[in-house]
Amino acid sequence: MRLPARPNGRIAAFLLACMTAFAAHTAAAAPEPPPIFVLNSLDANVSVINPVDWTEKLRIPTGKEPHHIYMTPDEKSVIVANSAGDSLTFLNPRTAEVQRVVYGIIDPYQLQFSRDMKWFVTAGNRLNHVDVYRWDGKDLKLAKRIASGKTPSHIWIDNTSTIAYVTMQDSDEMIAVDLPTQTIKWRTATGPMPADIFGVHNDKTLLVGLTGSDGVQVFDVAGAEPKLVGKIPTGKGAHAFRSAGDGKTVFVSNRVANSISRIDLTTLKVVATYPVPGGPDCMDVSADGKTLYVTSRWAKKLSVVDLASNKVVRQVNVGRSPHGVWTLDHAKRI
């Protein structure tokens, strides 16, 4: 004979069902991780990548030739620099929503904030100037436009927020700009087609990628004048840097060699090499330091590198000439 269920048994079953439904609803409502942004320089738009299913969710129109992307110091906005569009597009780094567009920023090819959040510097790759802006946390005000050299390329601002170093791609030079006075402190020769810059040893040493050569030059900038003190062989077309986030190593992309080199910051020697096809260019690193996101410039793809296995584990189709890449879910920048 089957006995009727006790009332407390029915209540327990009901509560269990409610808890199960609530848990399922909570899991379903969990927010997606921040997207990965890829700038399509020849398409004048930004690909927004879902890092869960690795699909391109949408493309956001920008000004002409978006090349580089950078975050505001509070990480509430990510800024796309539209060099031929003379504008900056501010995006929400979590939702990819366009927050605003700032016009009248002339030829912003590359961009960087000072660490004290007072200065914003752009390199006018097309028009041969460096612009120094004051930043009040919301708006930009041009302090001075500085005639530089041929094709200013990349920027590094030191940890004192007083000096901006800028490479000149077509005159094979690097300059140091004093930010408080907006004047050039010095100018020095580099190897062919210098591109990105990365400061190490408390910014007393600068690494400069040589896109027209096969490695990275090392400059001592601790004194009044810079000194070339060495070169790190990496691969042809050494171009862009990205910190690994561990405080010990930095990545450099070798665009012609189709590889990424990992440089030890203490010894300044290559400790690992990762093959990446399609002209690897800009990079970002996942927050856990396990994955490298690389734009494959000539292949119209975002390449995803598993650093443990030393392999490209997937590629995502994006637009033409993908250049900058960025995500809020990133490893430490320095």
Foldseek 3Di string as FASTA:
>chain_A
DDDDDDPVVVVVVVVVVVVVVVVVVCVVPDAFAFWKWWDFQQVQWIFTARPPVGAGPDIGHHFHGFFAKAAQLVNQWIWTDHQVRQKIWTAGRRPRHTPDMGHNNHRFNDWDAANVRQWIWGANQPPQWIWIWGGPPHDTDTPDIGRHDHGWAEWDQANVNQWIWIAHQQVQKIWIAGRVVRHTQDMDHHPHRWHYWDAAPSNQKIWIFHQQAFWIWIWGNNDSDIDTDDTEGDGHGFHYKFCLQPSFWIWTFHQVRQKIFIAGRVVRYTDDIAHHDQRWAEWFAAQVSQWIWTDNQRPQWIFIAGPVVSYGPDIYHHHHRTHYMDHPRGHDRD
